[in-house]
């Protein structure tokens, strides 16, 4: 996308969700001019910029480094995986809605008055 910037938040569990969203972007070859990340967002952004599909899931969701997984349990891993999949699914739903709107297939209530 031209003149675009992706800003990624910090936080491990938020990062798991964002990893799913970015995986969706990679599969559809959606790119940004700039990617900025804080803390976990910087790590996830670096994986996204490498364009290696599945890397974010493997590194940040399934096998986070030991210093970030203190108190890690199977329950916490399950939560990370669910957030990842939820992020991926939600990105797909939002992307399809935006695409339909941009194609003119679906009217949006906020822009109806502009016609």
PDB file of N, CA and C in Angstrom:
ATOM      1  N   UNK A   1       0.835  -1.172   0.000  1.00  0.00           N
ATOM      2  CA  UNK A   1       0.000   0.000   0.000  1.00  0.00           C
ATOM      3  C   UNK A   1       0.886   1.244   0.000  1.00  0.00           C
ATOM      4  N   UNK A   2       0.565   2.191  -0.828  1.00  0.00           N
ATOM      5  CA  UNK A   2       1.345   3.425  -0.929  1.00  0.00           C
ATOM      6  C   UNK A   2       1.064   4.335   0.261  1.00  0.00           C
ATOM      7  N   UNK A   3       2.095   5.033   0.713  1.00  0.00           N
ATOM      8  CA  UNK A   3       1.975   5.989   1.817  1.00  0.00           C
ATOM      9  C   UNK A   3       1.287   5.384   3.036  1.00  0.00           C
ATOM     10  N   UNK A   4       1.739   4.212   3.416  1.00  0.00           N
ATOM     11  CA  UNK A   4       1.116   3.524   4.550  1.00  0.00           C
ATOM     12  C   UNK A   4       2.144   3.221   5.637  1.00  0.00           C
ATOM     13  N   UNK A   5       1.653   3.131   6.859  1.00  0.00           N
ATOM     14  CA  UNK A   5       2.507   2.819   7.998  1.00  0.00           C
ATOM     15  C   UNK A   5       1.750   1.864   8.905  1.00  0.00           C
ATOM     16  N   UNK A   6       2.398   0.808   9.308  1.00  0.00           N
ATOM     17  CA  UNK A   6       1.823  -0.156  10.227  1.00  0.00           C
ATOM     18  C   UNK A   6       2.486   0.043  11.587  1.00  0.00           C
ATOM     19  N   UNK A   7       1.694   0.324  12.618  1.00  0.00           N
ATOM     20  CA  UNK A   7       2.212   0.537  13.970  1.00  0.00           C
ATOM     21  C   UNK A   7       1.778  -0.656  14.818  1.00  0.00           C
ATOM     22  N   UNK A   8       2.752  -1.326  15.435  1.00  0.00           N
ATOM     23  CA  UNK A   8       2.487  -2.545  16.199  1.00  0.00           C
ATOM     24  C   UNK A   8       2.726  -2.313  17.685  1.00  0.00           C
ATOM     25  N   UNK A   9       1.775  -2.726  18.490  1.00  0.00           N
ATOM     26  CA  UNK A   9       1.805  -2.523  19.925  1.00  0.00           C
ATOM     27  C   UNK A   9       2.707  -3.529  20.632  1.00  0.00           C
ATOM     28  N   UNK A  10       3.045  -3.209  21.846  1.00  0.00           N
ATOM     29  CA  UNK A  10       3.818  -4.118  22.683  1.00  0.00           C
ATOM     30  C   UNK A  10       2.874  -5.020  23.479  1.00  0.00           C
ATOM     31  N   UNK A  11       3.448  -6.019  24.100  1.00  0.00           N
ATOM     32  CA  UNK A  11       2.668  -6.943  24.935  1.00  0.00           C
ATOM     33  C   UNK A  11       2.618  -8.317  24.309  1.00  0.00           C
ATOM     34  N   UNK A  12       2.999  -9.320  25.075  1.00  0.00           N
ATOM     35  CA  UNK A  12       3.094 -10.684  24.560  1.00  0.00           C
ATOM     36  C   UNK A  12       1.801 -11.266  24.039  1.00  0.00           C
ATOM     37  N   UNK A  13       0.726 -11.182  24.809  1.00  0.00           N
ATOM     38  CA  UNK A  13      -0.531 -11.765  24.361  1.00  0.00           C
ATOM     39  C   UNK A  13      -1.157 -10.953  23.237  1.00  0.00           C
ATOM     40  N   UNK A  14      -1.023  -9.636  23.293  1.00  0.00           N
ATOM     41  CA  UNK A  14      -1.491  -8.815  22.170  1.00  0.00           C
ATOM     42  C   UNK A  14      -0.692  -9.172  20.925  1.00  0.00           C
ATOM     43  N   UNK A  15       0.585  -9.463  21.116  1.00  0.00           N
ATOM     44  CA  UNK A  15       1.440  -9.854  20.004  1.00  0.00           C
ATOM     45  C   UNK A  15       1.007 -11.156  19.363  1.00  0.00           C
ATOM     46  N   UNK A  16       0.478 -12.073  20.147  1.00  0.00           N
ATOM     47  CA  UNK A  16      -0.018 -13.340  19.600  1.00  0.00           C
ATOM     48  C   UNK A  16      -1.180 -13.070  18.649  1.00  0.00           C
ATOM     49  N   UNK A  17      -2.081 -12.183  19.049  1.00  0.00           N
ATOM     50  CA  UNK A  17      -3.213 -11.801  18.205  1.00  0.00           C
ATOM     51  C   UNK A  17      -2.701 -11.124  16.925  1.00  0.00           C
ATOM     52  N   UNK A  18      -1.789 -10.172  17.097  1.00  0.00           N
ATOM     53  CA  UNK A  18      -1.243  -9.427  15.965  1.00  0.00           C
ATOM     54  C   UNK A  18      -0.501 -10.355  15.007  1.00  0.00           C
ATOM     55  N   UNK A  19       0.150 -11.385  15.528  1.00  0.00           N
ATOM     56  CA  UNK A  19       0.844 -12.353  14.680  1.00  0.00           C
ATOM     57  C   UNK A  19      -0.122 -13.003  13.698  1.00  0.00           C
ATOM     58  N   UNK A  20      -1.318 -13.315  14.164  1.00  0.00           N
ATOM     59  CA  UNK A  20      -2.336 -13.896  13.282  1.00  0.00           C
ATOM     60  C   UNK A  20      -2.764 -12.924  12.194  1.00  0.00           C
ATOM     61  N   UNK A  21      -2.938 -11.658  12.577  1.00  0.00           N
ATOM     62  CA  UNK A  21      -3.312 -10.625  11.598  1.00  0.00           C
ATOM     63  C   UNK A  21      -2.218 -10.489  10.539  1.00  0.00           C
ATOM     64  N   UNK A  22      -0.965 -10.441  10.977  1.00  0.00           N
ATOM     65  CA  UNK A  22       0.139 -10.266  10.036  1.00  0.00           C
ATOM     66  C   UNK A  22       0.333 -11.484   9.139  1.00  0.00           C
ATOM     67  N   UNK A  23       0.027 -12.659   9.657  1.00  0.00           N
ATOM     68  CA  UNK A  23       0.101 -13.864   8.819  1.00  0.00           C
ATOM     69  C   UNK A  23      -0.913 -13.752   7.676  1.00  0.00           C
ATOM     70  N   UNK A  24      -2.085 -13.247   7.985  1.00  0.00           N
ATOM     71  CA  UNK A  24      -3.103 -13.024   6.959  1.00  0.00           C
ATOM     72  C   UNK A  24      -2.581 -12.040   5.916  1.00  0.00           C
ATOM     73  N   UNK A  25      -1.955 -10.961   6.370  1.00  0.00           N
ATOM     74  CA  UNK A  25      -1.396  -9.962   5.453  1.00  0.00           C
ATOM     75  C   UNK A  25      -0.336 -10.595   4.548  1.00  0.00           C
ATOM     76  N   UNK A  26       0.533 -11.434   5.118  1.00  0.00           N
ATOM     77  CA  UNK A  26       1.582 -12.080   4.325  1.00  0.00           C
ATOM     78  C   UNK A  26       0.997 -12.972   3.235  1.00  0.00           C
ATOM     79  N   UNK A  27      -0.023 -13.735   3.586  1.00  0.00           N
ATOM     80  CA  UNK A  27      -0.629 -14.648   2.618  1.00  0.00           C
ATOM     81  C   UNK A  27      -1.250 -13.897   1.448  1.00  0.00           C
ATOM     82  N   UNK A  28      -1.667 -12.668   1.675  1.00  0.00           N
ATOM     83  CA  UNK A  28      -2.296 -11.863   0.623  1.00  0.00           C
ATOM     84  C   UNK A  28      -1.357 -10.804   0.051  1.00  0.00           C
ATOM     85  N   UNK A  29      -0.090 -10.903   0.422  1.00  0.00           N
ATOM     86  CA  UNK A  29       0.945 -10.000  -0.084  1.00  0.00           C
ATOM     87  C   UNK A  29       0.601  -8.527   0.163  1.00  0.00           C
ATOM     88  N   UNK A  30       0.077  -8.234   1.346  1.00  0.00           N
ATOM     89  CA  UNK A  30      -0.205  -6.853   1.736  1.00  0.00           C
ATOM     90  C   UNK A  30       1.045  -6.290   2.396  1.00  0.00           C
ATOM     91  N   UNK A  31       1.588  -5.233   1.832  1.00  0.00           N
ATOM     92  CA  UNK A  31       2.821  -4.635   2.333  1.00  0.00           C
ATOM     93  C   UNK A  31       2.593  -3.186   2.728  1.00  0.00           C
ATOM     94  N   UNK A  32       3.462  -2.676   3.561  1.00  0.00           N
ATOM     95  CA  UNK A  32       3.378  -1.305   4.044  1.00  0.00           C
ATOM     96  C   UNK A  32       4.709  -0.606   3.791  1.00  0.00           C
ATOM     97  N   UNK A  33       4.645   0.710   3.585  1.00  0.00           N
ATOM     98  CA  UNK A  33       5.869   1.482   3.366  1.00  0.00           C
ATOM     99  C   UNK A  33       6.749   1.500   4.606  1.00  0.00           C
ATOM    100  N   UNK A  34       6.120   1.575   5.768  1.00  0.00           N
ATOM    101  CA  UNK A  34       6.850   1.639   7.033  1.00  0.00           C
ATOM    102  C   UNK A  34       6.190   0.708   8.049  1.00  0.00           C
ATOM    103  N   UNK A  35       7.009   0.088   8.880  1.00  0.00           N
ATOM    104  CA  UNK A  35       6.505  -0.731   9.982  1.00  0.00           C
ATOM    105  C   UNK A  35       7.224  -0.283  11.246  1.00  0.00           C
ATOM    106  N   UNK A  36       6.456   0.102  12.249  1.00  0.00           N
ATOM    107  CA  UNK A  36       7.007   0.576  13.526  1.00  0.00           C
ATOM    108  C   UNK A  36       6.454  -0.319  14.626  1.00  0.00           C
ATOM    109  N   UNK A  37       7.315  -0.759  15.535  1.00  0.00           N
ATOM    110  CA  UNK A  37       6.846  -1.610  16.614  1.00  0.00           C
ATOM    111  C   UNK A  37       7.513  -1.269  17.931  1.00  0.00           C
ATOM    112  N   UNK A  38       6.782  -1.521  19.011  1.00  0.00           N
ATOM    113  CA  UNK A  38       7.291  -1.308  20.361  1.00  0.00           C
ATOM    114  C   UNK A  38       7.320  -2.661  21.062  1.00  0.00           C
ATOM    115  N   UNK A  39       8.459  -2.990  21.671  1.00  0.00           N
ATOM    116  CA  UNK A  39       8.621  -4.207  22.455  1.00  0.00           C
ATOM    117  C   UNK A  39       8.257  -5.434  21.615  1.00  0.00           C
ATOM    118  N   UNK A  40       7.234  -6.191  22.030  1.00  0.00           N
ATOM    119  CA  UNK A  40       6.842  -7.385  21.269  1.00  0.00           C
ATOM    120  C   UNK A  40       6.468  -7.019  19.834  1.00  0.00           C
ATOM    121  N   UNK A  41       5.900  -5.836  19.647  1.00  0.00           N
ATOM    122  CA  UNK A  41       5.537  -5.380  18.306  1.00  0.00           C
ATOM    123  C   UNK A  41       6.743  -5.234  17.391  1.00  0.00           C
ATOM    124  N   UNK A  42       7.891  -4.851  17.954  1.00  0.00           N
ATOM    125  CA  UNK A  42       9.121  -4.743  17.159  1.00  0.00           C
ATOM    126  C   UNK A  42       9.566  -6.130  16.687  1.00  0.00           C
ATOM    127  N   UNK A  43       9.480  -7.112  17.568  1.00  0.00           N
ATOM    128  CA  UNK A  43       9.859  -8.491  17.195  1.00  0.00           C
ATOM    129  C   UNK A  43       8.919  -9.039  16.131  1.00  0.00           C
ATOM    130  N   UNK A  44       7.633  -8.810  16.328  1.00  0.00           N
ATOM    131  CA  UNK A  44       6.631  -9.307  15.387  1.00  0.00           C
ATOM    132  C   UNK A  44       6.771  -8.587  14.050  1.00  0.00           C
ATOM    133  N   UNK A  45       7.058  -7.278  14.109  1.00  0.00           N
ATOM    134  CA  UNK A  45       7.270  -6.504  12.885  1.00  0.00           C
ATOM    135  C   UNK A  45       8.472  -6.998  12.104  1.00  0.00           C
ATOM    136  N   UNK A  46       9.545  -7.348  12.799  1.00  0.00           N
ATOM    137  CA  UNK A  46      10.742  -7.873  12.127  1.00  0.00           C
ATOM    138  C   UNK A  46      10.420  -9.187  11.418  1.00  0.00           C
ATOM    139  N   UNK A  47       9.649 -10.042  12.065  1.00  0.00           N
ATOM    140  CA  UNK A  47       9.244 -11.301  11.430  1.00  0.00           C
ATOM    141  C   UNK A  47       8.375 -11.032  10.208  1.00  0.00           C
ATOM    142  N   UNK A  48       7.474 -10.071  10.320  1.00  0.00           N
ATOM    143  CA  UNK A  48       6.608  -9.712   9.194  1.00  0.00           C
ATOM    144  C   UNK A  48       7.437  -9.203   8.017  1.00  0.00           C
ATOM    145  N   UNK A  49       8.413  -8.341   8.305  1.00  0.00           N
ATOM    146  CA  UNK A  49       9.246  -7.772   7.246  1.00  0.00           C
ATOM    147  C   UNK A  49      10.130  -8.829   6.578  1.00  0.00           C
ATOM    148  N   UNK A  50      10.429  -9.916   7.277  1.00  0.00           N
ATOM    149  CA  UNK A  50      11.237 -10.988   6.683  1.00  0.00           C
ATOM    150  C   UNK A  50      10.453 -11.764   5.626  1.00  0.00           C
ATOM    151  N   UNK A  51       9.118 -11.596   5.634  1.00  0.00           N
ATOM    152  CA  UNK A  51       8.211 -12.255   4.676  1.00  0.00           C
ATOM    153  C   UNK A  51       8.292 -13.783   4.733  1.00  0.00           C
ATOM    154  N   UNK A  52       8.602 -14.309   5.915  1.00  0.00           N
ATOM    155  CA  UNK A  52       8.648 -15.759   6.102  1.00  0.00           C
ATOM    156  C   UNK A  52       7.327 -16.206   6.724  1.00  0.00           C
ATOM    157  N   UNK A  53       6.455 -16.759   5.897  1.00  0.00           N
ATOM    158  CA  UNK A  53       5.157 -17.194   6.412  1.00  0.00           C
ATOM    159  C   UNK A  53       5.343 -18.246   7.497  1.00  0.00           C
ATOM    160  N   UNK A  54       4.579 -18.112   8.562  1.00  0.00           N
ATOM    161  CA  UNK A  54       4.638 -19.052   9.672  1.00  0.00           C
ATOM    162  C   UNK A  54       5.677 -18.714  10.730  1.00  0.00           C
ATOM    163  N   UNK A  55       6.582 -17.776  10.438  1.00  0.00           N
ATOM    164  CA  UNK A  55       7.667 -17.455  11.382  1.00  0.00           C
ATOM    165  C   UNK A  55       7.132 -16.849  12.680  1.00  0.00           C
ATOM    166  N   UNK A  56       6.207 -15.912  12.573  1.00  0.00           N
ATOM    167  CA  UNK A  56       5.663 -15.296  13.785  1.00  0.00           C
ATOM    168  C   UNK A  56       4.994 -16.333  14.683  1.00  0.00           C
ATOM    169  N   UNK A  57       4.251 -17.236  14.077  1.00  0.00           N
ATOM    170  CA  UNK A  57       3.586 -18.267  14.881  1.00  0.00           C
ATOM    171  C   UNK A  57       4.625 -19.145  15.585  1.00  0.00           C
ATOM    172  N   UNK A  58       5.621 -19.569  14.841  1.00  0.00           N
ATOM    173  CA  UNK A  58       6.632 -20.467  15.412  1.00  0.00           C
ATOM    174  C   UNK A  58       7.443 -19.786  16.510  1.00  0.00           C
ATOM    175  N   UNK A  59       7.934 -18.561  16.239  1.00  0.00           N
ATOM    176  CA  UNK A  59       8.850 -17.891  17.158  1.00  0.00           C
ATOM    177  C   UNK A  59       8.129 -17.205  18.316  1.00  0.00           C
ATOM    178  N   UNK A  60       7.048 -16.505  18.034  1.00  0.00           N
ATOM    179  CA  UNK A  60       6.406 -15.677  19.059  1.00  0.00           C
ATOM    180  C   UNK A  60       5.196 -16.299  19.729  1.00  0.00           C
ATOM    181  N   UNK A  61       4.605 -17.304  19.112  1.00  0.00           N
ATOM    182  CA  UNK A  61       3.392 -17.895  19.688  1.00  0.00           C
ATOM    183  C   UNK A  61       3.674 -19.278  20.267  1.00  0.00           C
ATOM    184  N   UNK A  62       4.254 -20.162  19.460  1.00  0.00           N
ATOM    185  CA  UNK A  62       4.466 -21.536  19.917  1.00  0.00           C
ATOM    186  C   UNK A  62       5.707 -21.699  20.788  1.00  0.00           C
ATOM    187  N   UNK A  63       6.796 -21.006  20.461  1.00  0.00           N
ATOM    188  CA  UNK A  63       8.064 -21.186  21.166  1.00  0.00           C
ATOM    189  C   UNK A  63       8.707 -19.866  21.552  1.00  0.00           C
ATOM    190  N   UNK A  64       8.049 -19.067  22.389  1.00  0.00           N
ATOM    191  CA  UNK A  64       8.706 -17.810  22.780  1.00  0.00           C
ATOM    192  C   UNK A  64       9.974 -18.111  23.575  1.00  0.00           C
ATOM    193  N   UNK A  65      10.936 -17.210  23.523  1.00  0.00           N
ATOM    194  CA  UNK A  65      12.204 -17.439  24.214  1.00  0.00           C
ATOM    195  C   UNK A  65      11.976 -17.570  25.720  1.00  0.00           C
ATOM    196  N   UNK A  66      12.844 -18.326  26.410  1.00  0.00           N
ATOM    197  CA  UNK A  66      12.647 -18.618  27.837  1.00  0.00           C
ATOM    198  C   UNK A  66      12.494 -17.382  28.715  1.00  0.00           C
ATOM    199  N   UNK A  67      13.222 -16.306  28.426  1.00  0.00           N
ATOM    200  CA  UNK A  67      13.125 -15.129  29.300  1.00  0.00           C
ATOM    201  C   UNK A  67      11.745 -14.473  29.235  1.00  0.00           C
ATOM    202  N   UNK A  68      10.978 -14.761  28.168  1.00  0.00           N
ATOM    203  CA  UNK A  68       9.640 -14.186  28.064  1.00  0.00           C
ATOM    204  C   UNK A  68       8.556 -15.175  28.468  1.00  0.00           C
ATOM    205  N   UNK A  69       8.934 -16.370  28.842  1.00  0.00           N
ATOM    206  CA  UNK A  69       7.919 -17.371  29.146  1.00  0.00           C
ATOM    207  C   UNK A  69       7.990 -17.838  30.598  1.00  0.00           C
ATOM    208  N   UNK A  70       8.400 -16.950  31.491  1.00  0.00           N
ATOM    209  CA  UNK A  70       8.409 -17.277  32.920  1.00  0.00           C
ATOM    210  C   UNK A  70       6.975 -17.541  33.349  1.00  0.00           C
ATOM    211  N   UNK A  71       6.765 -18.648  34.002  1.00  0.00           N
ATOM    212  CA  UNK A  71       5.415 -19.005  34.423  1.00  0.00           C
ATOM    213  C   UNK A  71       4.563 -19.535  33.282  1.00  0.00           C
ATOM    214  N   UNK A  72       5.200 -19.871  32.176  1.00  0.00           N
ATOM    215  CA  UNK A  72       4.460 -20.373  31.018  1.00  0.00           C
ATOM    216  C   UNK A  72       3.876 -21.744  31.329  1.00  0.00           C
ATOM    217  N   UNK A  73       2.636 -21.906  31.014  1.00  0.00           N
ATOM    218  CA  UNK A  73       1.961 -23.187  31.209  1.00  0.00           C
ATOM    219  C   UNK A  73       1.298 -23.573  29.897  1.00  0.00           C
ATOM    220  N   UNK A  74       0.816 -24.802  29.845  1.00  0.00           N
ATOM    221  CA  UNK A  74       0.086 -25.242  28.649  1.00  0.00           C
ATOM    222  C   UNK A  74      -1.156 -24.381  28.439  1.00  0.00           C
ATOM    223  N   UNK A  75      -1.763 -23.950  29.533  1.00  0.00           N
ATOM    224  CA  UNK A  75      -2.944 -23.096  29.442  1.00  0.00           C
ATOM    225  C   UNK A  75      -2.603 -21.771  28.766  1.00  0.00           C
ATOM    226  N   UNK A  76      -1.446 -21.213  29.124  1.00  0.00           N
ATOM    227  CA  UNK A  76      -1.017 -19.944  28.522  1.00  0.00           C
ATOM    228  C   UNK A  76      -0.680 -20.131  27.043  1.00  0.00           C
ATOM    229  N   UNK A  77      -0.042 -21.255  26.688  1.00  0.00           N
ATOM    230  CA  UNK A  77       0.266 -21.553  25.289  1.00  0.00           C
ATOM    231  C   UNK A  77      -1.030 -21.696  24.493  1.00  0.00           C
ATOM    232  N   UNK A  78      -2.018 -22.377  25.071  1.00  0.00           N
ATOM    233  CA  UNK A  78      -3.308 -22.533  24.410  1.00  0.00           C
ATOM    234  C   UNK A  78      -3.944 -21.168  24.157  1.00  0.00           C
ATOM    235  N   UNK A  79      -3.849 -20.269  25.125  1.00  0.00           N
ATOM    236  CA  UNK A  79      -4.399 -18.928  24.971  1.00  0.00           C
ATOM    237  C   UNK A  79      -3.688 -18.191  23.842  1.00  0.00           C
ATOM    238  N   UNK A  80      -2.370 -18.297  23.779  1.00  0.00           N
ATOM    239  CA  UNK A  80      -1.605 -17.640  22.708  1.00  0.00           C
ATOM    240  C   UNK A  80      -2.039 -18.164  21.339  1.00  0.00           C
ATOM    241  N   UNK A  81      -2.221 -19.476  21.209  1.00  0.00           N
ATOM    242  CA  UNK A  81      -2.638 -20.066  19.940  1.00  0.00           C
ATOM    243  C   UNK A  81      -4.051 -19.624  19.565  1.00  0.00           C
ATOM    244  N   UNK A  82      -4.944 -19.563  20.552  1.00  0.00           N
ATOM    245  CA  UNK A  82      -6.318 -19.113  20.269  1.00  0.00           C
ATOM    246  C   UNK A  82      -6.324 -17.652  19.834  1.00  0.00           C
ATOM    247  N   UNK A  83      -5.525 -16.812  20.479  1.00  0.00           N
ATOM    248  CA  UNK A  83      -5.448 -15.402  20.083  1.00  0.00           C
ATOM    249  C   UNK A  83      -4.885 -15.269  18.670  1.00  0.00           C
ATOM    250  N   UNK A  84      -3.876 -16.067  18.337  1.00  0.00           N
ATOM    251  CA  UNK A  84      -3.287 -16.060  16.997  1.00  0.00           C
ATOM    252  C   UNK A  84      -4.353 -16.381  15.950  1.00  0.00           C
ATOM    253  N   UNK A  85      -5.084 -17.471  16.160  1.00  0.00           N
ATOM    254  CA  UNK A  85      -6.105 -17.889  15.201  1.00  0.00           C
ATOM    255  C   UNK A  85      -7.258 -16.885  15.124  1.00  0.00           C
ATOM    256  N   UNK A  86      -7.608 -16.301  16.263  1.00  0.00           N
ATOM    257  CA  UNK A  86      -8.666 -15.296  16.270  1.00  0.00           C
ATOM    258  C   UNK A  86      -8.226 -14.057  15.485  1.00  0.00           C
ATOM    259  N   UNK A  87      -6.981 -13.633  15.642  1.00  0.00           N
ATOM    260  CA  UNK A  87      -6.449 -12.496  14.888  1.00  0.00           C
ATOM    261  C   UNK A  87      -6.476 -12.755  13.393  1.00  0.00           C
ATOM    262  N   UNK A  88      -6.102 -13.979  13.003  1.00  0.00           N
ATOM    263  CA  UNK A  88      -6.095 -14.355  11.588  1.00  0.00           C
ATOM    264  C   UNK A  88      -7.517 -14.303  11.025  1.00  0.00           C
ATOM    265  N   UNK A  89      -8.454 -14.897  11.763  1.00  0.00           N
ATOM    266  CA  UNK A  89      -9.843 -14.950  11.300  1.00  0.00           C
ATOM    267  C   UNK A  89     -10.451 -13.551  11.211  1.00  0.00           C
ATOM    268  N   UNK A  90     -10.229 -12.745  12.228  1.00  0.00           N
ATOM    269  CA  UNK A  90     -10.784 -11.395  12.239  1.00  0.00           C
ATOM    270  C   UNK A  90     -10.194 -10.552  11.105  1.00  0.00           C
ATOM    271  N   UNK A  91      -8.909 -10.693  10.842  1.00  0.00           N
ATOM    272  CA  UNK A  91      -8.288  -9.955   9.741  1.00  0.00           C
ATOM    273  C   UNK A  91      -8.968 -10.306   8.424  1.00  0.00           C
ATOM    274  N   UNK A  92      -9.289 -11.574   8.246  1.00  0.00           N
ATOM    275  CA  UNK A  92      -9.970 -12.005   7.024  1.00  0.00           C
ATOM    276  C   UNK A  92     -11.342 -11.378   6.881  1.00  0.00           C
ATOM    277  N   UNK A  93     -12.090 -11.349   7.972  1.00  0.00           N
ATOM    278  CA  UNK A  93     -13.432 -10.762   7.936  1.00  0.00           C
ATOM    279  C   UNK A  93     -13.374  -9.270   7.635  1.00  0.00           C
ATOM    280  N   UNK A  94     -12.497  -8.559   8.301  1.00  0.00           N
ATOM    281  CA  UNK A  94     -12.376  -7.115   8.095  1.00  0.00           C
ATOM    282  C   UNK A  94     -11.878  -6.823   6.687  1.00  0.00           C
ATOM    283  N   UNK A  95     -10.882  -7.581   6.227  1.00  0.00           N
ATOM    284  CA  UNK A  95     -10.330  -7.365   4.889  1.00  0.00           C
ATOM    285  C   UNK A  95     -11.405  -7.546   3.824  1.00  0.00           C
ATOM    286  N   UNK A  96     -12.203  -8.592   3.939  1.00  0.00           N
ATOM    287  CA  UNK A  96     -13.251  -8.837   2.949  1.00  0.00           C
ATOM    288  C   UNK A  96     -14.290  -7.727   2.955  1.00  0.00           C
ATOM    289  N   UNK A  97     -14.635  -7.220   4.140  1.00  0.00           N
ATOM    290  CA  UNK A  97     -15.603  -6.134   4.230  1.00  0.00           C
ATOM    291  C   UNK A  97     -15.058  -4.857   3.590  1.00  0.00           C
ATOM    292  N   UNK A  98     -13.804  -4.551   3.859  1.00  0.00           N
ATOM    293  CA  UNK A  98     -13.180  -3.357   3.270  1.00  0.00           C
ATOM    294  C   UNK A  98     -13.099  -3.506   1.750  1.00  0.00           C
ATOM    295  N   UNK A  99     -12.740  -4.704   1.290  1.00  0.00           N
ATOM    296  CA  UNK A  99     -12.625  -4.946  -0.143  1.00  0.00           C
ATOM    297  C   UNK A  99     -13.973  -4.739  -0.841  1.00  0.00           C
ATOM    298  N   UNK A 100     -15.037  -5.255  -0.252  1.00  0.00           N
ATOM    299  CA  UNK A 100     -16.363  -5.075  -0.828  1.00  0.00           C
ATOM    300  C   UNK A 100     -16.751  -3.603  -0.863  1.00  0.00           C
ATOM    301  N   UNK A 101     -16.410  -2.892   0.193  1.00  0.00           N
ATOM    302  CA  UNK A 101     -16.711  -1.458   0.253  1.00  0.00           C
ATOM    303  C   UNK A 101     -15.940  -0.703  -0.828  1.00  0.00           C
ATOM    304  N   UNK A 102     -14.649  -0.999  -0.972  1.00  0.00           N
ATOM    305  CA  UNK A 102     -13.829  -0.304  -1.958  1.00  0.00           C
ATOM    306  C   UNK A 102     -14.244  -0.644  -3.383  1.00  0.00           C
ATOM    307  N   UNK A 103     -14.719  -1.866  -3.597  1.00  0.00           N
ATOM    308  CA  UNK A 103     -15.190  -2.272  -4.924  1.00  0.00           C
ATOM    309  C   UNK A 103     -16.537  -1.646  -5.268  1.00  0.00           C
ATOM    310  N   UNK A 104     -17.208  -1.063  -4.251  1.00  0.00           N
ATOM    311  CA  UNK A 104     -18.527  -0.479  -4.474  1.00  0.00           C
ATOM    312  C   UNK A 104     -19.651  -1.486  -4.384  1.00  0.00           C
ATOM    313  N   UNK A 105     -19.338  -2.729  -3.975  1.00  0.00           N
ATOM    314  CA  UNK A 105     -20.350  -3.772  -3.866  1.00  0.00           C
ATOM    315  C   UNK A 105     -21.277  -3.518  -2.686  1.00  0.00           C
ATOM    316  N   UNK A 106     -20.717  -3.001  -1.605  1.00  0.00           N
ATOM    317  CA  UNK A 106     -21.487  -2.763  -0.394  1.00  0.00           C
ATOM    318  C   UNK A 106     -21.380  -1.289  -0.027  1.00  0.00           C
ATOM    319  N   UNK A 107     -22.524  -0.674   0.250  1.00  0.00           N
ATOM    320  CA  UNK A 107     -22.514   0.725   0.694  1.00  0.00           C
ATOM    321  C   UNK A 107     -22.223   0.764   2.182  1.00  0.00           C
ATOM    322  N   UNK A 108     -21.591   1.797   2.618  1.00  0.00           N
ATOM    323  CA  UNK A 108     -21.293   1.980   4.033  1.00  0.00           C
ATOM    324  C   UNK A 108     -22.149   3.109   4.563  1.00  0.00           C
ATOM    325  N   UNK A 109     -22.803   2.931   5.716  1.00  0.00           N
ATOM    326  CA  UNK A 109     -23.698   3.965   6.227  1.00  0.00           C
ATOM    327  C   UNK A 109     -23.044   5.332   6.440  1.00  0.00           C
ATOM    328  N   UNK A 110     -21.757   5.356   6.696  1.00  0.00           N
ATOM    329  CA  UNK A 110     -21.096   6.628   6.920  1.00  0.00           C
ATOM    330  C   UNK A 110     -20.820   7.398   5.639  1.00  0.00           C
ATOM    331  N   UNK A 111     -20.831   6.706   4.503  1.00  0.00           N
ATOM    332  CA  UNK A 111     -20.532   7.385   3.232  1.00  0.00           C
ATOM    333  C   UNK A 111     -21.738   7.525   2.324  1.00  0.00           C
ATOM    334  N   UNK A 112     -22.888   7.008   2.718  1.00  0.00           N
ATOM    335  CA  UNK A 112     -24.078   7.111   1.874  1.00  0.00           C
ATOM    336  C   UNK A 112     -24.424   8.563   1.558  1.00  0.00           C
ATOM    337  N   UNK A 113     -24.212   9.446   2.492  1.00  0.00           N
ATOM    338  CA  UNK A 113     -24.576  10.842   2.288  1.00  0.00           C
ATOM    339  C   UNK A 113     -23.680  11.545   1.272  1.00  0.00           C
ATOM    340  N   UNK A 114     -22.546  10.920   0.900  1.00  0.00           N
ATOM    341  CA  UNK A 114     -21.625  11.538  -0.042  1.00  0.00           C
ATOM    342  C   UNK A 114     -22.051  11.338  -1.499  1.00  0.00           C
ATOM    343  N   UNK A 115     -22.994  10.468  -1.725  1.00  0.00           N
ATOM    344  CA  UNK A 115     -23.422  10.167  -3.110  1.00  0.00           C
ATOM    345  C   UNK A 115     -24.309  11.260  -3.667  1.00  0.00           C
TER     346      UNK A 115
END
